[in-house]
Amino acid sequence: EEGDHVMPKKDYPLCELICNDPLLM
């Protein structure tokens, strides 16, 4: 939720999925 934080590992699938549609986060 807002106020939370996610730390994806660079160059791994989670980071790629977030970068593909950052407005979902």
PDBML (XML) file of the C-alpha atoms, coordinates in Angstrom:
<?xml version="1.0" encoding="UTF-8" ?>
<PDBx:datablock datablockName="MODEL"
   xmlns:PDBx="http://pdbml.pdb.org/schema/pdbx-v50.xsd"
   xmlns:xsi="http://www.w3.org/2001/XMLSchema-instance"
   xsi:schemaLocation="http://pdbml.pdb.org/schema/pdbx-v50.xsd pdbx-v50.xsd">
   <PDBx:atom_siteCategory>
      <PDBx:atom_site id="1">
         <PDBx:B_iso_or_equiv>0.00</PDBx:B_iso_or_equiv>
         <PDBx:Cartn_x>0.000</PDBx:Cartn_x>
         <PDBx:Cartn_y>0.000</PDBx:Cartn_y>
         <PDBx:Cartn_z>0.000</PDBx:Cartn_z>
         <PDBx:auth_asym_id>A</PDBx:auth_asym_id>
         <PDBx:auth_atom_id>CA</PDBx:auth_atom_id>
         <PDBx:auth_comp_id>GLU</PDBx:auth_comp_id>
         <PDBx:auth_seq_id>1</PDBx:auth_seq_id>
         <PDBx:group_PDB>ATOM</PDBx:group_PDB>
         <PDBx:label_alt_id xsi:nil="true" />
         <PDBx:label_asym_id>A</PDBx:label_asym_id>
         <PDBx:label_atom_id>CA</PDBx:label_atom_id>
         <PDBx:label_comp_id>GLU</PDBx:label_comp_id>
         <PDBx:label_entity_id>1</PDBx:label_entity_id>
         <PDBx:label_seq_id>1</PDBx:label_seq_id>
         <PDBx:occupancy>1.00</PDBx:occupancy>
         <PDBx:pdbx_PDB_model_num>1</PDBx:pdbx_PDB_model_num>
         <PDBx:type_symbol>C</PDBx:type_symbol>
      </PDBx:atom_site>
      <PDBx:atom_site id="2">
         <PDBx:B_iso_or_equiv>0.00</PDBx:B_iso_or_equiv>
         <PDBx:Cartn_x>0.945</PDBx:Cartn_x>
         <PDBx:Cartn_y>3.675</PDBx:Cartn_y>
         <PDBx:Cartn_z>0.005</PDBx:Cartn_z>
         <PDBx:auth_asym_id>A</PDBx:auth_asym_id>
         <PDBx:auth_atom_id>CA</PDBx:auth_atom_id>
         <PDBx:auth_comp_id>GLU</PDBx:auth_comp_id>
         <PDBx:auth_seq_id>2</PDBx:auth_seq_id>
         <PDBx:group_PDB>ATOM</PDBx:group_PDB>
         <PDBx:label_alt_id xsi:nil="true" />
         <PDBx:label_asym_id>A</PDBx:label_asym_id>
         <PDBx:label_atom_id>CA</PDBx:label_atom_id>
         <PDBx:label_comp_id>GLU</PDBx:label_comp_id>
         <PDBx:label_entity_id>1</PDBx:label_entity_id>
         <PDBx:label_seq_id>2</PDBx:label_seq_id>
         <PDBx:occupancy>1.00</PDBx:occupancy>
         <PDBx:pdbx_PDB_model_num>1</PDBx:pdbx_PDB_model_num>
         <PDBx:type_symbol>C</PDBx:type_symbol>
      </PDBx:atom_site>
      <PDBx:atom_site id="3">
         <PDBx:B_iso_or_equiv>0.00</PDBx:B_iso_or_equiv>
         <PDBx:Cartn_x>3.560</PDBx:Cartn_x>
         <PDBx:Cartn_y>4.199</PDBx:Cartn_y>
         <PDBx:Cartn_z>2.667</PDBx:Cartn_z>
         <PDBx:auth_asym_id>A</PDBx:auth_asym_id>
         <PDBx:auth_atom_id>CA</PDBx:auth_atom_id>
         <PDBx:auth_comp_id>GLY</PDBx:auth_comp_id>
         <PDBx:auth_seq_id>3</PDBx:auth_seq_id>
         <PDBx:group_PDB>ATOM</PDBx:group_PDB>
         <PDBx:label_alt_id xsi:nil="true" />
         <PDBx:label_asym_id>A</PDBx:label_asym_id>
         <PDBx:label_atom_id>CA</PDBx:label_atom_id>
         <PDBx:label_comp_id>GLY</PDBx:label_comp_id>
         <PDBx:label_entity_id>1</PDBx:label_entity_id>
         <PDBx:label_seq_id>3</PDBx:label_seq_id>
         <PDBx:occupancy>1.00</PDBx:occupancy>
         <PDBx:pdbx_PDB_model_num>1</PDBx:pdbx_PDB_model_num>
         <PDBx:type_symbol>C</PDBx:type_symbol>
      </PDBx:atom_site>
      <PDBx:atom_site id="4">
         <PDBx:B_iso_or_equiv>0.00</PDBx:B_iso_or_equiv>
         <PDBx:Cartn_x>5.042</PDBx:Cartn_x>
         <PDBx:Cartn_y>0.731</PDBx:Cartn_y>
         <PDBx:Cartn_z>2.000</PDBx:Cartn_z>
         <PDBx:auth_asym_id>A</PDBx:auth_asym_id>
         <PDBx:auth_atom_id>CA</PDBx:auth_atom_id>
         <PDBx:auth_comp_id>ASP</PDBx:auth_comp_id>
         <PDBx:auth_seq_id>4</PDBx:auth_seq_id>
         <PDBx:group_PDB>ATOM</PDBx:group_PDB>
         <PDBx:label_alt_id xsi:nil="true" />
         <PDBx:label_asym_id>A</PDBx:label_asym_id>
         <PDBx:label_atom_id>CA</PDBx:label_atom_id>
         <PDBx:label_comp_id>ASP</PDBx:label_comp_id>
         <PDBx:label_entity_id>1</PDBx:label_entity_id>
         <PDBx:label_seq_id>4</PDBx:label_seq_id>
         <PDBx:occupancy>1.00</PDBx:occupancy>
         <PDBx:pdbx_PDB_model_num>1</PDBx:pdbx_PDB_model_num>
         <PDBx:type_symbol>C</PDBx:type_symbol>
      </PDBx:atom_site>
      <PDBx:atom_site id="5">
         <PDBx:B_iso_or_equiv>0.00</PDBx:B_iso_or_equiv>
         <PDBx:Cartn_x>8.258</PDBx:Cartn_x>
         <PDBx:Cartn_y>0.023</PDBx:Cartn_y>
         <PDBx:Cartn_z>0.094</PDBx:Cartn_z>
         <PDBx:auth_asym_id>A</PDBx:auth_asym_id>
         <PDBx:auth_atom_id>CA</PDBx:auth_atom_id>
         <PDBx:auth_comp_id>HIS</PDBx:auth_comp_id>
         <PDBx:auth_seq_id>5</PDBx:auth_seq_id>
         <PDBx:group_PDB>ATOM</PDBx:group_PDB>
         <PDBx:label_alt_id xsi:nil="true" />
         <PDBx:label_asym_id>A</PDBx:label_asym_id>
         <PDBx:label_atom_id>CA</PDBx:label_atom_id>
         <PDBx:label_comp_id>HIS</PDBx:label_comp_id>
         <PDBx:label_entity_id>1</PDBx:label_entity_id>
         <PDBx:label_seq_id>5</PDBx:label_seq_id>
         <PDBx:occupancy>1.00</PDBx:occupancy>
         <PDBx:pdbx_PDB_model_num>1</PDBx:pdbx_PDB_model_num>
         <PDBx:type_symbol>C</PDBx:type_symbol>
      </PDBx:atom_site>
      <PDBx:atom_site id="6">
         <PDBx:B_iso_or_equiv>0.00</PDBx:B_iso_or_equiv>
         <PDBx:Cartn_x>9.437</PDBx:Cartn_x>
         <PDBx:Cartn_y>-2.662</PDBx:Cartn_y>
         <PDBx:Cartn_z>-2.326</PDBx:Cartn_z>
         <PDBx:auth_asym_id>A</PDBx:auth_asym_id>
         <PDBx:auth_atom_id>CA</PDBx:auth_atom_id>
         <PDBx:auth_comp_id>VAL</PDBx:auth_comp_id>
         <PDBx:auth_seq_id>6</PDBx:auth_seq_id>
         <PDBx:group_PDB>ATOM</PDBx:group_PDB>
         <PDBx:label_alt_id xsi:nil="true" />
         <PDBx:label_asym_id>A</PDBx:label_asym_id>
         <PDBx:label_atom_id>CA</PDBx:label_atom_id>
         <PDBx:label_comp_id>VAL</PDBx:label_comp_id>
         <PDBx:label_entity_id>1</PDBx:label_entity_id>
         <PDBx:label_seq_id>6</PDBx:label_seq_id>
         <PDBx:occupancy>1.00</PDBx:occupancy>
         <PDBx:pdbx_PDB_model_num>1</PDBx:pdbx_PDB_model_num>
         <PDBx:type_symbol>C</PDBx:type_symbol>
      </PDBx:atom_site>
      <PDBx:atom_site id="7">
         <PDBx:B_iso_or_equiv>0.00</PDBx:B_iso_or_equiv>
         <PDBx:Cartn_x>13.118</PDBx:Cartn_x>
         <PDBx:Cartn_y>-3.437</PDBx:Cartn_y>
         <PDBx:Cartn_z>-2.966</PDBx:Cartn_z>
         <PDBx:auth_asym_id>A</PDBx:auth_asym_id>
         <PDBx:auth_atom_id>CA</PDBx:auth_atom_id>
         <PDBx:auth_comp_id>MET</PDBx:auth_comp_id>
         <PDBx:auth_seq_id>7</PDBx:auth_seq_id>
         <PDBx:group_PDB>ATOM</PDBx:group_PDB>
         <PDBx:label_alt_id xsi:nil="true" />
         <PDBx:label_asym_id>A</PDBx:label_asym_id>
         <PDBx:label_atom_id>CA</PDBx:label_atom_id>
         <PDBx:label_comp_id>MET</PDBx:label_comp_id>
         <PDBx:label_entity_id>1</PDBx:label_entity_id>
         <PDBx:label_seq_id>7</PDBx:label_seq_id>
         <PDBx:occupancy>1.00</PDBx:occupancy>
         <PDBx:pdbx_PDB_model_num>1</PDBx:pdbx_PDB_model_num>
         <PDBx:type_symbol>C</PDBx:type_symbol>
      </PDBx:atom_site>
      <PDBx:atom_site id="8">
         <PDBx:B_iso_or_equiv>0.00</PDBx:B_iso_or_equiv>
         <PDBx:Cartn_x>13.548</PDBx:Cartn_x>
         <PDBx:Cartn_y>-5.375</PDBx:Cartn_y>
         <PDBx:Cartn_z>-6.237</PDBx:Cartn_z>
         <PDBx:auth_asym_id>A</PDBx:auth_asym_id>
         <PDBx:auth_atom_id>CA</PDBx:auth_atom_id>
         <PDBx:auth_comp_id>PRO</PDBx:auth_comp_id>
         <PDBx:auth_seq_id>8</PDBx:auth_seq_id>
         <PDBx:group_PDB>ATOM</PDBx:group_PDB>
         <PDBx:label_alt_id xsi:nil="true" />
         <PDBx:label_asym_id>A</PDBx:label_asym_id>
         <PDBx:label_atom_id>CA</PDBx:label_atom_id>
         <PDBx:label_comp_id>PRO</PDBx:label_comp_id>
         <PDBx:label_entity_id>1</PDBx:label_entity_id>
         <PDBx:label_seq_id>8</PDBx:label_seq_id>
         <PDBx:occupancy>1.00</PDBx:occupancy>
         <PDBx:pdbx_PDB_model_num>1</PDBx:pdbx_PDB_model_num>
         <PDBx:type_symbol>C</PDBx:type_symbol>
      </PDBx:atom_site>
      <PDBx:atom_site id="9">
         <PDBx:B_iso_or_equiv>0.00</PDBx:B_iso_or_equiv>
         <PDBx:Cartn_x>16.933</PDBx:Cartn_x>
         <PDBx:Cartn_y>-6.780</PDBx:Cartn_y>
         <PDBx:Cartn_z>-7.217</PDBx:Cartn_z>
         <PDBx:auth_asym_id>A</PDBx:auth_asym_id>
         <PDBx:auth_atom_id>CA</PDBx:auth_atom_id>
         <PDBx:auth_comp_id>LYS</PDBx:auth_comp_id>
         <PDBx:auth_seq_id>9</PDBx:auth_seq_id>
         <PDBx:group_PDB>ATOM</PDBx:group_PDB>
         <PDBx:label_alt_id xsi:nil="true" />
         <PDBx:label_asym_id>A</PDBx:label_asym_id>
         <PDBx:label_atom_id>CA</PDBx:label_atom_id>
         <PDBx:label_comp_id>LYS</PDBx:label_comp_id>
         <PDBx:label_entity_id>1</PDBx:label_entity_id>
         <PDBx:label_seq_id>9</PDBx:label_seq_id>
         <PDBx:occupancy>1.00</PDBx:occupancy>
         <PDBx:pdbx_PDB_model_num>1</PDBx:pdbx_PDB_model_num>
         <PDBx:type_symbol>C</PDBx:type_symbol>
      </PDBx:atom_site>
      <PDBx:atom_site id="10">
         <PDBx:B_iso_or_equiv>0.00</PDBx:B_iso_or_equiv>
         <PDBx:Cartn_x>18.293</PDBx:Cartn_x>
         <PDBx:Cartn_y>-5.032</PDBx:Cartn_y>
         <PDBx:Cartn_z>-10.305</PDBx:Cartn_z>
         <PDBx:auth_asym_id>A</PDBx:auth_asym_id>
         <PDBx:auth_atom_id>CA</PDBx:auth_atom_id>
         <PDBx:auth_comp_id>LYS</PDBx:auth_comp_id>
         <PDBx:auth_seq_id>10</PDBx:auth_seq_id>
         <PDBx:group_PDB>ATOM</PDBx:group_PDB>
         <PDBx:label_alt_id xsi:nil="true" />
         <PDBx:label_asym_id>A</PDBx:label_asym_id>
         <PDBx:label_atom_id>CA</PDBx:label_atom_id>
         <PDBx:label_comp_id>LYS</PDBx:label_comp_id>
         <PDBx:label_entity_id>1</PDBx:label_entity_id>
         <PDBx:label_seq_id>10</PDBx:label_seq_id>
         <PDBx:occupancy>1.00</PDBx:occupancy>
         <PDBx:pdbx_PDB_model_num>1</PDBx:pdbx_PDB_model_num>
         <PDBx:type_symbol>C</PDBx:type_symbol>
      </PDBx:atom_site>
      <PDBx:atom_site id="11">
         <PDBx:B_iso_or_equiv>0.00</PDBx:B_iso_or_equiv>
         <PDBx:Cartn_x>18.304</PDBx:Cartn_x>
         <PDBx:Cartn_y>-6.966</PDBx:Cartn_y>
         <PDBx:Cartn_z>-13.599</PDBx:Cartn_z>
         <PDBx:auth_asym_id>A</PDBx:auth_asym_id>
         <PDBx:auth_atom_id>CA</PDBx:auth_atom_id>
         <PDBx:auth_comp_id>ASP</PDBx:auth_comp_id>
         <PDBx:auth_seq_id>11</PDBx:auth_seq_id>
         <PDBx:group_PDB>ATOM</PDBx:group_PDB>
         <PDBx:label_alt_id xsi:nil="true" />
         <PDBx:label_asym_id>A</PDBx:label_asym_id>
         <PDBx:label_atom_id>CA</PDBx:label_atom_id>
         <PDBx:label_comp_id>ASP</PDBx:label_comp_id>
         <PDBx:label_entity_id>1</PDBx:label_entity_id>
         <PDBx:label_seq_id>11</PDBx:label_seq_id>
         <PDBx:occupancy>1.00</PDBx:occupancy>
         <PDBx:pdbx_PDB_model_num>1</PDBx:pdbx_PDB_model_num>
         <PDBx:type_symbol>C</PDBx:type_symbol>
      </PDBx:atom_site>
      <PDBx:atom_site id="12">
         <PDBx:B_iso_or_equiv>0.00</PDBx:B_iso_or_equiv>
         <PDBx:Cartn_x>15.993</PDBx:Cartn_x>
         <PDBx:Cartn_y>-9.683</PDBx:Cartn_y>
         <PDBx:Cartn_z>-12.241</PDBx:Cartn_z>
         <PDBx:auth_asym_id>A</PDBx:auth_asym_id>
         <PDBx:auth_atom_id>CA</PDBx:auth_atom_id>
         <PDBx:auth_comp_id>TYR</PDBx:auth_comp_id>
         <PDBx:auth_seq_id>12</PDBx:auth_seq_id>
         <PDBx:group_PDB>ATOM</PDBx:group_PDB>
         <PDBx:label_alt_id xsi:nil="true" />
         <PDBx:label_asym_id>A</PDBx:label_asym_id>
         <PDBx:label_atom_id>CA</PDBx:label_atom_id>
         <PDBx:label_comp_id>TYR</PDBx:label_comp_id>
         <PDBx:label_entity_id>1</PDBx:label_entity_id>
         <PDBx:label_seq_id>12</PDBx:label_seq_id>
         <PDBx:occupancy>1.00</PDBx:occupancy>
         <PDBx:pdbx_PDB_model_num>1</PDBx:pdbx_PDB_model_num>
         <PDBx:type_symbol>C</PDBx:type_symbol>
      </PDBx:atom_site>
      <PDBx:atom_site id="13">
         <PDBx:B_iso_or_equiv>0.00</PDBx:B_iso_or_equiv>
         <PDBx:Cartn_x>12.377</PDBx:Cartn_x>
         <PDBx:Cartn_y>-10.467</PDBx:Cartn_y>
         <PDBx:Cartn_z>-13.258</PDBx:Cartn_z>
         <PDBx:auth_asym_id>A</PDBx:auth_asym_id>
         <PDBx:auth_atom_id>CA</PDBx:auth_atom_id>
         <PDBx:auth_comp_id>PRO</PDBx:auth_comp_id>
         <PDBx:auth_seq_id>13</PDBx:auth_seq_id>
         <PDBx:group_PDB>ATOM</PDBx:group_PDB>
         <PDBx:label_alt_id xsi:nil="true" />
         <PDBx:label_asym_id>A</PDBx:label_asym_id>
         <PDBx:label_atom_id>CA</PDBx:label_atom_id>
         <PDBx:label_comp_id>PRO</PDBx:label_comp_id>
         <PDBx:label_entity_id>1</PDBx:label_entity_id>
         <PDBx:label_seq_id>13</PDBx:label_seq_id>
         <PDBx:occupancy>1.00</PDBx:occupancy>
         <PDBx:pdbx_PDB_model_num>1</PDBx:pdbx_PDB_model_num>
         <PDBx:type_symbol>C</PDBx:type_symbol>
      </PDBx:atom_site>
      <PDBx:atom_site id="14">
         <PDBx:B_iso_or_equiv>0.00</PDBx:B_iso_or_equiv>
         <PDBx:Cartn_x>10.692</PDBx:Cartn_x>
         <PDBx:Cartn_y>-8.524</PDBx:Cartn_y>
         <PDBx:Cartn_z>-10.427</PDBx:Cartn_z>
         <PDBx:auth_asym_id>A</PDBx:auth_asym_id>
         <PDBx:auth_atom_id>CA</PDBx:auth_atom_id>
         <PDBx:auth_comp_id>LEU</PDBx:auth_comp_id>
         <PDBx:auth_seq_id>14</PDBx:auth_seq_id>
         <PDBx:group_PDB>ATOM</PDBx:group_PDB>
         <PDBx:label_alt_id xsi:nil="true" />
         <PDBx:label_asym_id>A</PDBx:label_asym_id>
         <PDBx:label_atom_id>CA</PDBx:label_atom_id>
         <PDBx:label_comp_id>LEU</PDBx:label_comp_id>
         <PDBx:label_entity_id>1</PDBx:label_entity_id>
         <PDBx:label_seq_id>14</PDBx:label_seq_id>
         <PDBx:occupancy>1.00</PDBx:occupancy>
         <PDBx:pdbx_PDB_model_num>1</PDBx:pdbx_PDB_model_num>
         <PDBx:type_symbol>C</PDBx:type_symbol>
      </PDBx:atom_site>
      <PDBx:atom_site id="15">
         <PDBx:B_iso_or_equiv>0.00</PDBx:B_iso_or_equiv>
         <PDBx:Cartn_x>12.540</PDBx:Cartn_x>
         <PDBx:Cartn_y>-5.335</PDBx:Cartn_y>
         <PDBx:Cartn_z>-11.321</PDBx:Cartn_z>
         <PDBx:auth_asym_id>A</PDBx:auth_asym_id>
         <PDBx:auth_atom_id>CA</PDBx:auth_atom_id>
         <PDBx:auth_comp_id>CYS</PDBx:auth_comp_id>
         <PDBx:auth_seq_id>15</PDBx:auth_seq_id>
         <PDBx:group_PDB>ATOM</PDBx:group_PDB>
         <PDBx:label_alt_id xsi:nil="true" />
         <PDBx:label_asym_id>A</PDBx:label_asym_id>
         <PDBx:label_atom_id>CA</PDBx:label_atom_id>
         <PDBx:label_comp_id>CYS</PDBx:label_comp_id>
         <PDBx:label_entity_id>1</PDBx:label_entity_id>
         <PDBx:label_seq_id>15</PDBx:label_seq_id>
         <PDBx:occupancy>1.00</PDBx:occupancy>
         <PDBx:pdbx_PDB_model_num>1</PDBx:pdbx_PDB_model_num>
         <PDBx:type_symbol>C</PDBx:type_symbol>
      </PDBx:atom_site>
      <PDBx:atom_site id="16">
         <PDBx:B_iso_or_equiv>0.00</PDBx:B_iso_or_equiv>
         <PDBx:Cartn_x>11.713</PDBx:Cartn_x>
         <PDBx:Cartn_y>-5.803</PDBx:Cartn_y>
         <PDBx:Cartn_z>-15.006</PDBx:Cartn_z>
         <PDBx:auth_asym_id>A</PDBx:auth_asym_id>
         <PDBx:auth_atom_id>CA</PDBx:auth_atom_id>
         <PDBx:auth_comp_id>GLU</PDBx:auth_comp_id>
         <PDBx:auth_seq_id>16</PDBx:auth_seq_id>
         <PDBx:group_PDB>ATOM</PDBx:group_PDB>
         <PDBx:label_alt_id xsi:nil="true" />
         <PDBx:label_asym_id>A</PDBx:label_asym_id>
         <PDBx:label_atom_id>CA</PDBx:label_atom_id>
         <PDBx:label_comp_id>GLU</PDBx:label_comp_id>
         <PDBx:label_entity_id>1</PDBx:label_entity_id>
         <PDBx:label_seq_id>16</PDBx:label_seq_id>
         <PDBx:occupancy>1.00</PDBx:occupancy>
         <PDBx:pdbx_PDB_model_num>1</PDBx:pdbx_PDB_model_num>
         <PDBx:type_symbol>C</PDBx:type_symbol>
      </PDBx:atom_site>
      <PDBx:atom_site id="17">
         <PDBx:B_iso_or_equiv>0.00</PDBx:B_iso_or_equiv>
         <PDBx:Cartn_x>7.996</PDBx:Cartn_x>
         <PDBx:Cartn_y>-6.360</PDBx:Cartn_y>
         <PDBx:Cartn_z>-14.286</PDBx:Cartn_z>
         <PDBx:auth_asym_id>A</PDBx:auth_asym_id>
         <PDBx:auth_atom_id>CA</PDBx:auth_atom_id>
         <PDBx:auth_comp_id>LEU</PDBx:auth_comp_id>
         <PDBx:auth_seq_id>17</PDBx:auth_seq_id>
         <PDBx:group_PDB>ATOM</PDBx:group_PDB>
         <PDBx:label_alt_id xsi:nil="true" />
         <PDBx:label_asym_id>A</PDBx:label_asym_id>
         <PDBx:label_atom_id>CA</PDBx:label_atom_id>
         <PDBx:label_comp_id>LEU</PDBx:label_comp_id>
         <PDBx:label_entity_id>1</PDBx:label_entity_id>
         <PDBx:label_seq_id>17</PDBx:label_seq_id>
         <PDBx:occupancy>1.00</PDBx:occupancy>
         <PDBx:pdbx_PDB_model_num>1</PDBx:pdbx_PDB_model_num>
         <PDBx:type_symbol>C</PDBx:type_symbol>
      </PDBx:atom_site>
      <PDBx:atom_site id="18">
         <PDBx:B_iso_or_equiv>0.00</PDBx:B_iso_or_equiv>
         <PDBx:Cartn_x>7.848</PDBx:Cartn_x>
         <PDBx:Cartn_y>-3.229</PDBx:Cartn_y>
         <PDBx:Cartn_z>-12.121</PDBx:Cartn_z>
         <PDBx:auth_asym_id>A</PDBx:auth_asym_id>
         <PDBx:auth_atom_id>CA</PDBx:auth_atom_id>
         <PDBx:auth_comp_id>ILE</PDBx:auth_comp_id>
         <PDBx:auth_seq_id>18</PDBx:auth_seq_id>
         <PDBx:group_PDB>ATOM</PDBx:group_PDB>
         <PDBx:label_alt_id xsi:nil="true" />
         <PDBx:label_asym_id>A</PDBx:label_asym_id>
         <PDBx:label_atom_id>CA</PDBx:label_atom_id>
         <PDBx:label_comp_id>ILE</PDBx:label_comp_id>
         <PDBx:label_entity_id>1</PDBx:label_entity_id>
         <PDBx:label_seq_id>18</PDBx:label_seq_id>
         <PDBx:occupancy>1.00</PDBx:occupancy>
         <PDBx:pdbx_PDB_model_num>1</PDBx:pdbx_PDB_model_num>
         <PDBx:type_symbol>C</PDBx:type_symbol>
      </PDBx:atom_site>
      <PDBx:atom_site id="19">
         <PDBx:B_iso_or_equiv>0.00</PDBx:B_iso_or_equiv>
         <PDBx:Cartn_x>9.673</PDBx:Cartn_x>
         <PDBx:Cartn_y>-1.152</PDBx:Cartn_y>
         <PDBx:Cartn_z>-14.744</PDBx:Cartn_z>
         <PDBx:auth_asym_id>A</PDBx:auth_asym_id>
         <PDBx:auth_atom_id>CA</PDBx:auth_atom_id>
         <PDBx:auth_comp_id>CYS</PDBx:auth_comp_id>
         <PDBx:auth_seq_id>19</PDBx:auth_seq_id>
         <PDBx:group_PDB>ATOM</PDBx:group_PDB>
         <PDBx:label_alt_id xsi:nil="true" />
         <PDBx:label_asym_id>A</PDBx:label_asym_id>
         <PDBx:label_atom_id>CA</PDBx:label_atom_id>
         <PDBx:label_comp_id>CYS</PDBx:label_comp_id>
         <PDBx:label_entity_id>1</PDBx:label_entity_id>
         <PDBx:label_seq_id>19</PDBx:label_seq_id>
         <PDBx:occupancy>1.00</PDBx:occupancy>
         <PDBx:pdbx_PDB_model_num>1</PDBx:pdbx_PDB_model_num>
         <PDBx:type_symbol>C</PDBx:type_symbol>
      </PDBx:atom_site>
      <PDBx:atom_site id="20">
         <PDBx:B_iso_or_equiv>0.00</PDBx:B_iso_or_equiv>
         <PDBx:Cartn_x>7.284</PDBx:Cartn_x>
         <PDBx:Cartn_y>-2.350</PDBx:Cartn_y>
         <PDBx:Cartn_z>-17.467</PDBx:Cartn_z>
         <PDBx:auth_asym_id>A</PDBx:auth_asym_id>
         <PDBx:auth_atom_id>CA</PDBx:auth_atom_id>
         <PDBx:auth_comp_id>ASN</PDBx:auth_comp_id>
         <PDBx:auth_seq_id>20</PDBx:auth_seq_id>
         <PDBx:group_PDB>ATOM</PDBx:group_PDB>
         <PDBx:label_alt_id xsi:nil="true" />
         <PDBx:label_asym_id>A</PDBx:label_asym_id>
         <PDBx:label_atom_id>CA</PDBx:label_atom_id>
         <PDBx:label_comp_id>ASN</PDBx:label_comp_id>
         <PDBx:label_entity_id>1</PDBx:label_entity_id>
         <PDBx:label_seq_id>20</PDBx:label_seq_id>
         <PDBx:occupancy>1.00</PDBx:occupancy>
         <PDBx:pdbx_PDB_model_num>1</PDBx:pdbx_PDB_model_num>
         <PDBx:type_symbol>C</PDBx:type_symbol>
      </PDBx:atom_site>
      <PDBx:atom_site id="21">
         <PDBx:B_iso_or_equiv>0.00</PDBx:B_iso_or_equiv>
         <PDBx:Cartn_x>4.319</PDBx:Cartn_x>
         <PDBx:Cartn_y>-0.767</PDBx:Cartn_y>
         <PDBx:Cartn_z>-15.678</PDBx:Cartn_z>
         <PDBx:auth_asym_id>A</PDBx:auth_asym_id>
         <PDBx:auth_atom_id>CA</PDBx:auth_atom_id>
         <PDBx:auth_comp_id>ASP</PDBx:auth_comp_id>
         <PDBx:auth_seq_id>21</PDBx:auth_seq_id>
         <PDBx:group_PDB>ATOM</PDBx:group_PDB>
         <PDBx:label_alt_id xsi:nil="true" />
         <PDBx:label_asym_id>A</PDBx:label_asym_id>
         <PDBx:label_atom_id>CA</PDBx:label_atom_id>
         <PDBx:label_comp_id>ASP</PDBx:label_comp_id>
         <PDBx:label_entity_id>1</PDBx:label_entity_id>
         <PDBx:label_seq_id>21</PDBx:label_seq_id>
         <PDBx:occupancy>1.00</PDBx:occupancy>
         <PDBx:pdbx_PDB_model_num>1</PDBx:pdbx_PDB_model_num>
         <PDBx:type_symbol>C</PDBx:type_symbol>
      </PDBx:atom_site>
      <PDBx:atom_site id="22">
         <PDBx:B_iso_or_equiv>0.00</PDBx:B_iso_or_equiv>
         <PDBx:Cartn_x>5.466</PDBx:Cartn_x>
         <PDBx:Cartn_y>1.313</PDBx:Cartn_y>
         <PDBx:Cartn_z>-12.681</PDBx:Cartn_z>
         <PDBx:auth_asym_id>A</PDBx:auth_asym_id>
         <PDBx:auth_atom_id>CA</PDBx:auth_atom_id>
         <PDBx:auth_comp_id>PRO</PDBx:auth_comp_id>
         <PDBx:auth_seq_id>22</PDBx:auth_seq_id>
         <PDBx:group_PDB>ATOM</PDBx:group_PDB>
         <PDBx:label_alt_id xsi:nil="true" />
         <PDBx:label_asym_id>A</PDBx:label_asym_id>
         <PDBx:label_atom_id>CA</PDBx:label_atom_id>
         <PDBx:label_comp_id>PRO</PDBx:label_comp_id>
         <PDBx:label_entity_id>1</PDBx:label_entity_id>
         <PDBx:label_seq_id>22</PDBx:label_seq_id>
         <PDBx:occupancy>1.00</PDBx:occupancy>
         <PDBx:pdbx_PDB_model_num>1</PDBx:pdbx_PDB_model_num>
         <PDBx:type_symbol>C</PDBx:type_symbol>
      </PDBx:atom_site>
      <PDBx:atom_site id="23">
         <PDBx:B_iso_or_equiv>0.00</PDBx:B_iso_or_equiv>
         <PDBx:Cartn_x>2.040</PDBx:Cartn_x>
         <PDBx:Cartn_y>2.928</PDBx:Cartn_y>
         <PDBx:Cartn_z>-12.202</PDBx:Cartn_z>
         <PDBx:auth_asym_id>A</PDBx:auth_asym_id>
         <PDBx:auth_atom_id>CA</PDBx:auth_atom_id>
         <PDBx:auth_comp_id>LEU</PDBx:auth_comp_id>
         <PDBx:auth_seq_id>23</PDBx:auth_seq_id>
         <PDBx:group_PDB>ATOM</PDBx:group_PDB>
         <PDBx:label_alt_id xsi:nil="true" />
         <PDBx:label_asym_id>A</PDBx:label_asym_id>
         <PDBx:label_atom_id>CA</PDBx:label_atom_id>
         <PDBx:label_comp_id>LEU</PDBx:label_comp_id>
         <PDBx:label_entity_id>1</PDBx:label_entity_id>
         <PDBx:label_seq_id>23</PDBx:label_seq_id>
         <PDBx:occupancy>1.00</PDBx:occupancy>
         <PDBx:pdbx_PDB_model_num>1</PDBx:pdbx_PDB_model_num>
         <PDBx:type_symbol>C</PDBx:type_symbol>
      </PDBx:atom_site>
      <PDBx:atom_site id="24">
         <PDBx:B_iso_or_equiv>0.00</PDBx:B_iso_or_equiv>
         <PDBx:Cartn_x>0.731</PDBx:Cartn_x>
         <PDBx:Cartn_y>-0.406</PDBx:Cartn_y>
         <PDBx:Cartn_z>-10.880</PDBx:Cartn_z>
         <PDBx:auth_asym_id>A</PDBx:auth_asym_id>
         <PDBx:auth_atom_id>CA</PDBx:auth_atom_id>
         <PDBx:auth_comp_id>LEU</PDBx:auth_comp_id>
         <PDBx:auth_seq_id>24</PDBx:auth_seq_id>
         <PDBx:group_PDB>ATOM</PDBx:group_PDB>
         <PDBx:label_alt_id xsi:nil="true" />
         <PDBx:label_asym_id>A</PDBx:label_asym_id>
         <PDBx:label_atom_id>CA</PDBx:label_atom_id>
         <PDBx:label_comp_id>LEU</PDBx:label_comp_id>
         <PDBx:label_entity_id>1</PDBx:label_entity_id>
         <PDBx:label_seq_id>24</PDBx:label_seq_id>
         <PDBx:occupancy>1.00</PDBx:occupancy>
         <PDBx:pdbx_PDB_model_num>1</PDBx:pdbx_PDB_model_num>
         <PDBx:type_symbol>C</PDBx:type_symbol>
      </PDBx:atom_site>
      <PDBx:atom_site id="25">
         <PDBx:B_iso_or_equiv>0.00</PDBx:B_iso_or_equiv>
         <PDBx:Cartn_x>2.850</PDBx:Cartn_x>
         <PDBx:Cartn_y>0.041</PDBx:Cartn_y>
         <PDBx:Cartn_z>-7.752</PDBx:Cartn_z>
         <PDBx:auth_asym_id>A</PDBx:auth_asym_id>
         <PDBx:auth_atom_id>CA</PDBx:auth_atom_id>
         <PDBx:auth_comp_id>MET</PDBx:auth_comp_id>
         <PDBx:auth_seq_id>25</PDBx:auth_seq_id>
         <PDBx:group_PDB>ATOM</PDBx:group_PDB>
         <PDBx:label_alt_id xsi:nil="true" />
         <PDBx:label_asym_id>A</PDBx:label_asym_id>
         <PDBx:label_atom_id>CA</PDBx:label_atom_id>
         <PDBx:label_comp_id>MET</PDBx:label_comp_id>
         <PDBx:label_entity_id>1</PDBx:label_entity_id>
         <PDBx:label_seq_id>25</PDBx:label_seq_id>
         <PDBx:occupancy>1.00</PDBx:occupancy>
         <PDBx:pdbx_PDB_model_num>1</PDBx:pdbx_PDB_model_num>
         <PDBx:type_symbol>C</PDBx:type_symbol>
      </PDBx:atom_site>
   </PDBx:atom_siteCategory>
</PDBx:datablock>
